[in-house]
Amino acid sequence: MLRPLGDPREFTMRELAATIAQVCGIEARLEFRPLPADDPRQRRPDITKARERLGWEPTIALAEGLRPAIDCFRRFVP
């Protein structure tokens, strides 16, 4: 099974929302709700195998990587 590689640097969902809002040029309106019971407390991928076997490290900052994804959504989502 292919799985996307991620960035081992951890950030909060609030930080993610703020970064997305900044890249989109909008003001984020956040709504806080209780976490679902199965929600992971830590969202930090283990890239050990990619680092050891492929010599891979993430090189693109979150905001920079979000830009092409957001541009794609803008083209395909009305």
N, C-alpha and C. Protein backbone atom coordinates (compact mmCIF):
# COMPACT_ATOMS: atom_id res chain seq x y z
N MET A 1 0.84 -1.18 0.00
CA MET A 1 0.00 0.00 0.00
C MET A 1 0.89 1.24 0.00
N LEU A 2 0.60 2.15 -0.90
CA LEU A 2 1.32 3.42 -0.94
C LEU A 2 0.72 4.38 0.07
N ARG A 3 1.57 5.04 0.80
CA ARG A 3 1.12 6.03 1.77
C ARG A 3 1.90 7.32 1.54
N PRO A 4 1.22 8.44 1.65
CA PRO A 4 1.96 9.70 1.46
C PRO A 4 2.94 9.91 2.61
N LEU A 5 4.06 10.50 2.28
CA LEU A 5 5.02 10.85 3.33
C LEU A 5 4.61 12.18 3.91
N GLY A 6 4.95 12.39 5.13
CA GLY A 6 4.58 13.63 5.79
C GLY A 6 5.76 14.33 6.39
N ASP A 7 5.48 15.31 7.16
CA ASP A 7 6.49 16.11 7.83
C ASP A 7 6.48 15.74 9.30
N PRO A 8 7.61 15.31 9.85
CA PRO A 8 7.63 14.92 11.25
C PRO A 8 7.52 16.08 12.23
N ARG A 9 7.56 17.30 11.73
CA ARG A 9 7.36 18.43 12.63
C ARG A 9 5.88 18.53 12.94
N GLU A 10 5.56 18.59 14.19
CA GLU A 10 4.16 18.60 14.60
C GLU A 10 3.63 20.03 14.70
N PHE A 11 2.37 20.20 14.32
CA PHE A 11 1.70 21.48 14.47
C PHE A 11 0.27 21.20 14.89
N THR A 12 -0.34 22.18 15.52
CA THR A 12 -1.71 22.00 16.00
C THR A 12 -2.70 22.21 14.86
N MET A 13 -3.92 21.77 15.06
CA MET A 13 -4.96 22.00 14.06
C MET A 13 -5.24 23.50 13.93
N ARG A 14 -5.09 24.23 15.03
CA ARG A 14 -5.25 25.69 14.98
C ARG A 14 -4.18 26.30 14.08
N GLU A 15 -2.95 25.83 14.20
CA GLU A 15 -1.86 26.33 13.34
C GLU A 15 -2.11 25.96 11.89
N LEU A 16 -2.62 24.76 11.65
CA LEU A 16 -2.94 24.35 10.28
C LEU A 16 -4.02 25.24 9.70
N ALA A 17 -5.08 25.48 10.47
CA ALA A 17 -6.17 26.34 10.00
C ALA A 17 -5.66 27.75 9.70
N ALA A 18 -4.81 28.28 10.56
CA ALA A 18 -4.26 29.62 10.34
C ALA A 18 -3.40 29.67 9.08
N THR A 19 -2.62 28.62 8.85
CA THR A 19 -1.77 28.57 7.66
C THR A 19 -2.62 28.47 6.40
N ILE A 20 -3.65 27.65 6.42
CA ILE A 20 -4.55 27.52 5.27
C ILE A 20 -5.24 28.85 4.99
N ALA A 21 -5.73 29.51 6.04
CA ALA A 21 -6.40 30.80 5.87
C ALA A 21 -5.44 31.82 5.27
N GLN A 22 -4.21 31.82 5.74
CA GLN A 22 -3.22 32.77 5.23
C GLN A 22 -2.94 32.51 3.75
N VAL A 23 -2.75 31.25 3.38
CA VAL A 23 -2.47 30.90 1.98
C VAL A 23 -3.66 31.25 1.10
N CYS A 24 -4.88 31.06 1.62
CA CYS A 24 -6.10 31.36 0.85
C CYS A 24 -6.44 32.85 0.85
N GLY A 25 -5.80 33.59 1.74
CA GLY A 25 -6.09 35.02 1.83
C GLY A 25 -7.44 35.31 2.45
N ILE A 26 -7.83 34.49 3.42
CA ILE A 26 -9.12 34.68 4.08
C ILE A 26 -8.93 34.76 5.59
N GLU A 27 -9.96 35.20 6.27
CA GLU A 27 -9.94 35.19 7.73
C GLU A 27 -10.61 33.91 8.20
N ALA A 28 -9.91 33.16 9.02
CA ALA A 28 -10.44 31.89 9.51
C ALA A 28 -11.46 32.14 10.61
N ARG A 29 -12.58 31.46 10.51
CA ARG A 29 -13.58 31.46 11.59
C ARG A 29 -13.57 30.06 12.18
N LEU A 30 -12.93 29.93 13.30
CA LEU A 30 -12.76 28.60 13.90
C LEU A 30 -13.90 28.28 14.85
N GLU A 31 -14.27 27.03 14.83
CA GLU A 31 -15.31 26.52 15.74
C GLU A 31 -14.70 25.37 16.52
N PHE A 32 -14.70 25.48 17.82
CA PHE A 32 -14.08 24.47 18.66
C PHE A 32 -15.14 23.51 19.19
N ARG A 33 -14.86 22.23 19.03
CA ARG A 33 -15.76 21.18 19.48
C ARG A 33 -14.96 20.11 20.21
N PRO A 34 -15.62 19.30 21.03
CA PRO A 34 -14.89 18.21 21.69
C PRO A 34 -14.30 17.25 20.66
N LEU A 35 -13.15 16.71 20.98
CA LEU A 35 -12.52 15.75 20.08
C LEU A 35 -13.29 14.44 20.05
N PRO A 36 -13.39 13.79 18.90
CA PRO A 36 -13.97 12.45 18.85
C PRO A 36 -13.12 11.49 19.68
N ALA A 37 -13.70 10.45 20.17
CA ALA A 37 -13.00 9.49 21.03
C ALA A 37 -11.79 8.87 20.33
N ASP A 38 -11.89 8.66 19.01
CA ASP A 38 -10.79 8.00 18.28
C ASP A 38 -9.82 8.99 17.63
N ASP A 39 -9.92 10.25 17.96
CA ASP A 39 -9.04 11.26 17.37
C ASP A 39 -7.62 11.09 17.91
N PRO A 40 -6.62 11.03 17.01
CA PRO A 40 -5.25 10.88 17.50
C PRO A 40 -4.79 12.14 18.23
N ARG A 41 -4.07 11.95 19.30
CA ARG A 41 -3.54 13.08 20.07
C ARG A 41 -2.30 13.65 19.41
N GLN A 42 -1.64 12.84 18.60
CA GLN A 42 -0.42 13.27 17.96
C GLN A 42 -0.51 12.96 16.47
N ARG A 43 -0.26 13.95 15.65
CA ARG A 43 -0.31 13.78 14.20
C ARG A 43 1.09 14.04 13.65
N ARG A 44 1.96 13.12 13.94
CA ARG A 44 3.35 13.30 13.55
C ARG A 44 3.82 12.01 12.89
N PRO A 45 3.93 11.99 11.57
CA PRO A 45 4.30 10.75 10.90
C PRO A 45 5.73 10.34 11.22
N ASP A 46 5.95 9.04 11.23
CA ASP A 46 7.28 8.49 11.43
C ASP A 46 7.90 8.28 10.06
N ILE A 47 8.91 9.08 9.74
CA ILE A 47 9.55 8.96 8.42
C ILE A 47 10.89 8.23 8.51
N THR A 48 11.09 7.46 9.56
CA THR A 48 12.35 6.77 9.78
C THR A 48 12.75 5.91 8.58
N LYS A 49 11.81 5.11 8.05
CA LYS A 49 12.14 4.23 6.91
C LYS A 49 12.51 5.04 5.69
N ALA A 50 11.79 6.11 5.41
CA ALA A 50 12.11 6.95 4.26
C ALA A 50 13.49 7.59 4.43
N ARG A 51 13.78 8.01 5.64
CA ARG A 51 15.08 8.62 5.92
C ARG A 51 16.20 7.60 5.76
N GLU A 52 16.01 6.41 6.34
CA GLU A 52 17.06 5.38 6.31
C GLU A 52 17.23 4.75 4.93
N ARG A 53 16.13 4.40 4.28
CA ARG A 53 16.21 3.65 3.02
C ARG A 53 16.35 4.53 1.79
N LEU A 54 15.75 5.73 1.86
CA LEU A 54 15.75 6.59 0.68
C LEU A 54 16.57 7.86 0.86
N GLY A 55 16.97 8.12 2.08
CA GLY A 55 17.68 9.37 2.35
C GLY A 55 16.77 10.57 2.19
N TRP A 56 15.46 10.35 2.39
CA TRP A 56 14.47 11.40 2.15
C TRP A 56 14.20 12.20 3.42
N GLU A 57 14.13 13.50 3.26
CA GLU A 57 13.72 14.42 4.31
C GLU A 57 12.76 15.42 3.68
N PRO A 58 11.75 15.88 4.40
CA PRO A 58 10.89 16.91 3.83
C PRO A 58 11.67 18.20 3.64
N THR A 59 11.43 18.85 2.51
CA THR A 59 12.16 20.09 2.21
C THR A 59 11.23 21.27 1.93
N ILE A 60 9.94 21.00 1.86
CA ILE A 60 8.98 22.05 1.52
C ILE A 60 8.19 22.43 2.76
N ALA A 61 8.12 23.71 3.03
CA ALA A 61 7.35 24.21 4.18
C ALA A 61 5.86 23.96 3.96
N LEU A 62 5.13 23.87 5.05
CA LEU A 62 3.69 23.60 4.98
C LEU A 62 2.97 24.56 4.05
N ALA A 63 3.15 25.86 4.25
CA ALA A 63 2.44 26.85 3.43
C ALA A 63 2.79 26.69 1.95
N GLU A 64 4.05 26.43 1.66
CA GLU A 64 4.49 26.26 0.27
C GLU A 64 3.85 25.02 -0.35
N GLY A 65 3.74 23.94 0.41
CA GLY A 65 3.12 22.72 -0.09
C GLY A 65 1.62 22.83 -0.24
N LEU A 66 0.99 23.67 0.59
CA LEU A 66 -0.46 23.85 0.51
C LEU A 66 -0.88 24.63 -0.74
N ARG A 67 -0.03 25.53 -1.20
CA ARG A 67 -0.41 26.39 -2.33
C ARG A 67 -0.86 25.60 -3.56
N PRO A 68 -0.08 24.62 -4.05
CA PRO A 68 -0.56 23.87 -5.22
C PRO A 68 -1.83 23.07 -4.94
N ALA A 69 -1.97 22.54 -3.73
CA ALA A 69 -3.18 21.78 -3.40
C ALA A 69 -4.39 22.69 -3.41
N ILE A 70 -4.26 23.87 -2.83
CA ILE A 70 -5.37 24.83 -2.79
C ILE A 70 -5.71 25.30 -4.20
N ASP A 71 -4.68 25.55 -5.02
CA ASP A 71 -4.93 25.95 -6.41
C ASP A 71 -5.69 24.87 -7.16
N CYS A 72 -5.35 23.62 -6.91
CA CYS A 72 -6.05 22.49 -7.54
C CYS A 72 -7.51 22.47 -7.12
N PHE A 73 -7.77 22.60 -5.82
CA PHE A 73 -9.16 22.62 -5.34
C PHE A 73 -9.93 23.77 -5.96
N ARG A 74 -9.30 24.91 -6.09
CA ARG A 74 -9.99 26.08 -6.68
C ARG A 74 -10.38 25.82 -8.13
N ARG A 75 -9.59 25.04 -8.84
CA ARG A 75 -9.90 24.73 -10.24
C ARG A 75 -11.03 23.73 -10.37
N PHE A 76 -11.12 22.78 -9.43
CA PHE A 76 -12.05 21.67 -9.60
C PHE A 76 -13.28 21.71 -8.70
N VAL A 77 -13.26 22.52 -7.67
CA VAL A 77 -14.40 22.57 -6.77
C VAL A 77 -15.11 23.90 -6.97
N PRO A 78 -16.38 23.85 -7.37
CA PRO A 78 -17.10 25.12 -7.64
C PRO A 78 -17.30 25.95 -6.38
